[in-house]
Each structure stands twice: as structure tokens, then as C-alpha cells.
Amino acid sequence: MLALTLEEFMLELNDGAIKNVGPNNKEATVKLFDVDTAEAREFGDKRIKLVFEDEDDNEVQVSLFPEDVRQIAEDIEALEEDSPVFD
């Protein structure tokens, strides 16, 4: 399931063209639940792309620098040691 929340968001649709309406203060939150596949791959010369997909073919891609990926890996290791989620 993909949940998308858009804040302060308005678009104008005119003759098939989409145009931003209002100030550039838009915010978005995307959540993907019940992920079926997850993978990491190179993205350009300096980043890692994490790709998550559910059974309905909803997909979320996140591009991170290596230091951010290392921090996430450390967080997961800490969870493996301390959290009942991994029991």
C-alpha cells in the first residue's frame, strides 16, 4: 500500500498541461507498506539507490550518500541486538 500526503498542494490542469499554483512551500510524505522487494544499487558516481516495491507495483526510490547508508546499516545492527522485532 502506498500512502501519499501532500501539504499546501494545488495544481492547475489546463489543456493537458499541469502547472504549479501558489507559493513553493509544498511538502510531501510517502509511505510504502507491505514491501515485497527491496534492493540497493549504485546511482551515479557517489550515491546508492534503495528501491522498494510492493505487490501492486508501487515503488519508492531513495538516493543516499554512502555515509548515510552506513548509518542506516549501523542502526539496523543495533536493532538486531536490542529489538524484539528480530526475535
C-alpha atoms as a PDB file:
ATOM      1  CA  MET A   1       0.000   0.000   0.000  1.00  0.00           C
ATOM      2  CA  LEU A   2       1.324   3.419  -0.963  1.00  0.00           C
ATOM      3  CA  ALA A   3       0.263   6.394   1.147  1.00  0.00           C
ATOM      4  CA  LEU A   4       0.991   9.851  -0.224  1.00  0.00           C
ATOM      5  CA  THR A   5       0.360  13.007   1.803  1.00  0.00           C
ATOM      6  CA  LEU A   6       0.728  16.377   0.115  1.00  0.00           C
ATOM      7  CA  GLU A   7       0.690  19.618   2.104  1.00  0.00           C
ATOM      8  CA  GLU A   8      -0.207  23.035   0.715  1.00  0.00           C
ATOM      9  CA  PHE A   9      -0.544  21.479  -2.720  1.00  0.00           C
ATOM     10  CA  MET A  10      -2.530  22.846  -5.610  1.00  0.00           C
ATOM     11  CA  LEU A  11      -2.134  22.218  -9.328  1.00  0.00           C
ATOM     12  CA  GLU A  12      -3.738  23.779 -12.339  1.00  0.00           C
ATOM     13  CA  LEU A  13      -4.694  21.474 -15.193  1.00  0.00           C
ATOM     14  CA  ASN A  14      -5.174  23.397 -18.434  1.00  0.00           C
ATOM     15  CA  ASP A  15      -5.327  21.741 -21.874  1.00  0.00           C
ATOM     16  CA  GLY A  16      -3.456  18.697 -20.572  1.00  0.00           C
ATOM     17  CA  ALA A  17      -0.641  20.739 -19.010  1.00  0.00           C
ATOM     18  CA  ILE A  18      -0.003  20.630 -15.253  1.00  0.00           C
ATOM     19  CA  LYS A  19       1.150  23.842 -13.612  1.00  0.00           C
ATOM     20  CA  ASN A  20       2.080  24.638 -10.003  1.00  0.00           C
ATOM     21  CA  VAL A  21      -0.361  27.062  -8.396  1.00  0.00           C
ATOM     22  CA  GLY A  22       0.620  29.179  -5.402  1.00  0.00           C
ATOM     23  CA  PRO A  23       3.883  29.510  -3.486  1.00  0.00           C
ATOM     24  CA  ASN A  24       6.693  26.957  -3.487  1.00  0.00           C
ATOM     25  CA  ASN A  25       6.012  25.749   0.057  1.00  0.00           C
ATOM     26  CA  LYS A  26       4.879  22.229  -0.852  1.00  0.00           C
ATOM     27  CA  GLU A  27       5.695  19.221   1.342  1.00  0.00           C
ATOM     28  CA  ALA A  28       5.167  15.531   0.723  1.00  0.00           C
ATOM     29  CA  THR A  29       5.348  12.354   2.777  1.00  0.00           C
ATOM     30  CA  VAL A  30       5.412   8.956   1.092  1.00  0.00           C
ATOM     31  CA  LYS A  31       4.959   5.677   2.941  1.00  0.00           C
ATOM     32  CA  LEU A  32       5.124   2.238   1.360  1.00  0.00           C
ATOM     33  CA  PHE A  33       3.817  -0.661   3.431  1.00  0.00           C
ATOM     34  CA  ASP A  34       3.975  -4.409   2.800  1.00  0.00           C
ATOM     35  CA  VAL A  35       7.121  -4.195   0.688  1.00  0.00           C
ATOM     36  CA  ASP A  36       7.695  -7.285  -1.464  1.00  0.00           C
ATOM     37  CA  THR A  37      11.127  -6.429  -2.863  1.00  0.00           C
ATOM     38  CA  ALA A  38      13.957  -4.224  -1.681  1.00  0.00           C
ATOM     39  CA  GLU A  39      17.311  -3.697  -3.337  1.00  0.00           C
ATOM     40  CA  ALA A  40      20.331  -1.428  -3.223  1.00  0.00           C
ATOM     41  CA  ARG A  41      22.340  -0.420  -6.292  1.00  0.00           C
ATOM     42  CA  GLU A  42      24.804   2.199  -7.439  1.00  0.00           C
ATOM     43  CA  PHE A  43      23.356   5.522  -8.501  1.00  0.00           C
ATOM     44  CA  GLY A  44      25.791   7.717 -10.351  1.00  0.00           C
ATOM     45  CA  ASP A  45      29.340   8.025  -9.084  1.00  0.00           C
ATOM     46  CA  LYS A  46      28.676   8.887  -5.451  1.00  0.00           C
ATOM     47  CA  ARG A  47      25.320   7.563  -4.303  1.00  0.00           C
ATOM     48  CA  ILE A  48      23.433   4.405  -3.508  1.00  0.00           C
ATOM     49  CA  LYS A  49      19.826   3.983  -4.585  1.00  0.00           C
ATOM     50  CA  LEU A  50      17.466   1.972  -2.400  1.00  0.00           C
ATOM     51  CA  VAL A  51      14.428   0.689  -4.292  1.00  0.00           C
ATOM     52  CA  PHE A  52      11.313  -0.700  -2.570  1.00  0.00           C
ATOM     53  CA  GLU A  53       8.297  -2.191  -4.342  1.00  0.00           C
ATOM     54  CA  ASP A  54       5.007  -3.721  -3.160  1.00  0.00           C
ATOM     55  CA  GLU A  55       2.771  -6.331  -4.775  1.00  0.00           C
ATOM     56  CA  ASP A  56       0.755  -3.620  -6.557  1.00  0.00           C
ATOM     57  CA  ASP A  57       3.914  -2.365  -8.317  1.00  0.00           C
ATOM     58  CA  ASN A  58       4.033   0.815  -6.230  1.00  0.00           C
ATOM     59  CA  GLU A  59       7.677   1.815  -5.998  1.00  0.00           C
ATOM     60  CA  VAL A  60       9.704   4.172  -3.844  1.00  0.00           C
ATOM     61  CA  GLN A  61      13.305   5.043  -4.694  1.00  0.00           C
ATOM     62  CA  VAL A  62      15.683   6.768  -2.289  1.00  0.00           C
ATOM     63  CA  SER A  63      19.125   8.049  -3.230  1.00  0.00           C
ATOM     64  CA  LEU A  64      21.655   8.295  -0.386  1.00  0.00           C
ATOM     65  CA  PHE A  65      25.311   9.122   0.058  1.00  0.00           C
ATOM     66  CA  PRO A  66      27.484   6.254   1.385  1.00  0.00           C
ATOM     67  CA  GLU A  67      27.801   7.787   4.863  1.00  0.00           C
ATOM     68  CA  ASP A  68      24.002   7.800   5.197  1.00  0.00           C
ATOM     69  CA  VAL A  69      23.800   4.156   4.089  1.00  0.00           C
ATOM     70  CA  ARG A  70      26.481   3.238   6.638  1.00  0.00           C
ATOM     71  CA  GLN A  71      24.475   4.964   9.385  1.00  0.00           C
ATOM     72  CA  ILE A  72      21.342   3.038   8.425  1.00  0.00           C
ATOM     73  CA  ALA A  73      23.340  -0.214   8.458  1.00  0.00           C
ATOM     74  CA  GLU A  74      24.580   0.632  11.981  1.00  0.00           C
ATOM     75  CA  ASP A  75      21.014   1.403  13.080  1.00  0.00           C
ATOM     76  CA  ILE A  76      19.847  -1.974  11.768  1.00  0.00           C
ATOM     77  CA  GLU A  77      22.694  -3.781  13.560  1.00  0.00           C
ATOM     78  CA  ALA A  78      21.704  -2.063  16.808  1.00  0.00           C
ATOM     79  CA  LEU A  79      18.087  -3.132  16.293  1.00  0.00           C
ATOM     80  CA  GLU A  80      19.179  -6.716  15.669  1.00  0.00           C
ATOM     81  CA  GLU A  81      20.906  -6.730  19.042  1.00  0.00           C
ATOM     82  CA  ASP A  82      18.285  -4.892  21.107  1.00  0.00           C
ATOM     83  CA  SER A  83      14.872  -5.095  19.464  1.00  0.00           C
ATOM     84  CA  PRO A  84      12.347  -7.921  19.768  1.00  0.00           C
ATOM     85  CA  VAL A  85      11.473  -7.302  16.117  1.00  0.00           C
ATOM     86  CA  PHE A  86      14.339  -9.610  15.116  1.00  0.00           C
ATOM     87  CA  ASP A  87      13.416 -12.393  17.572  1.00  0.00           C
END
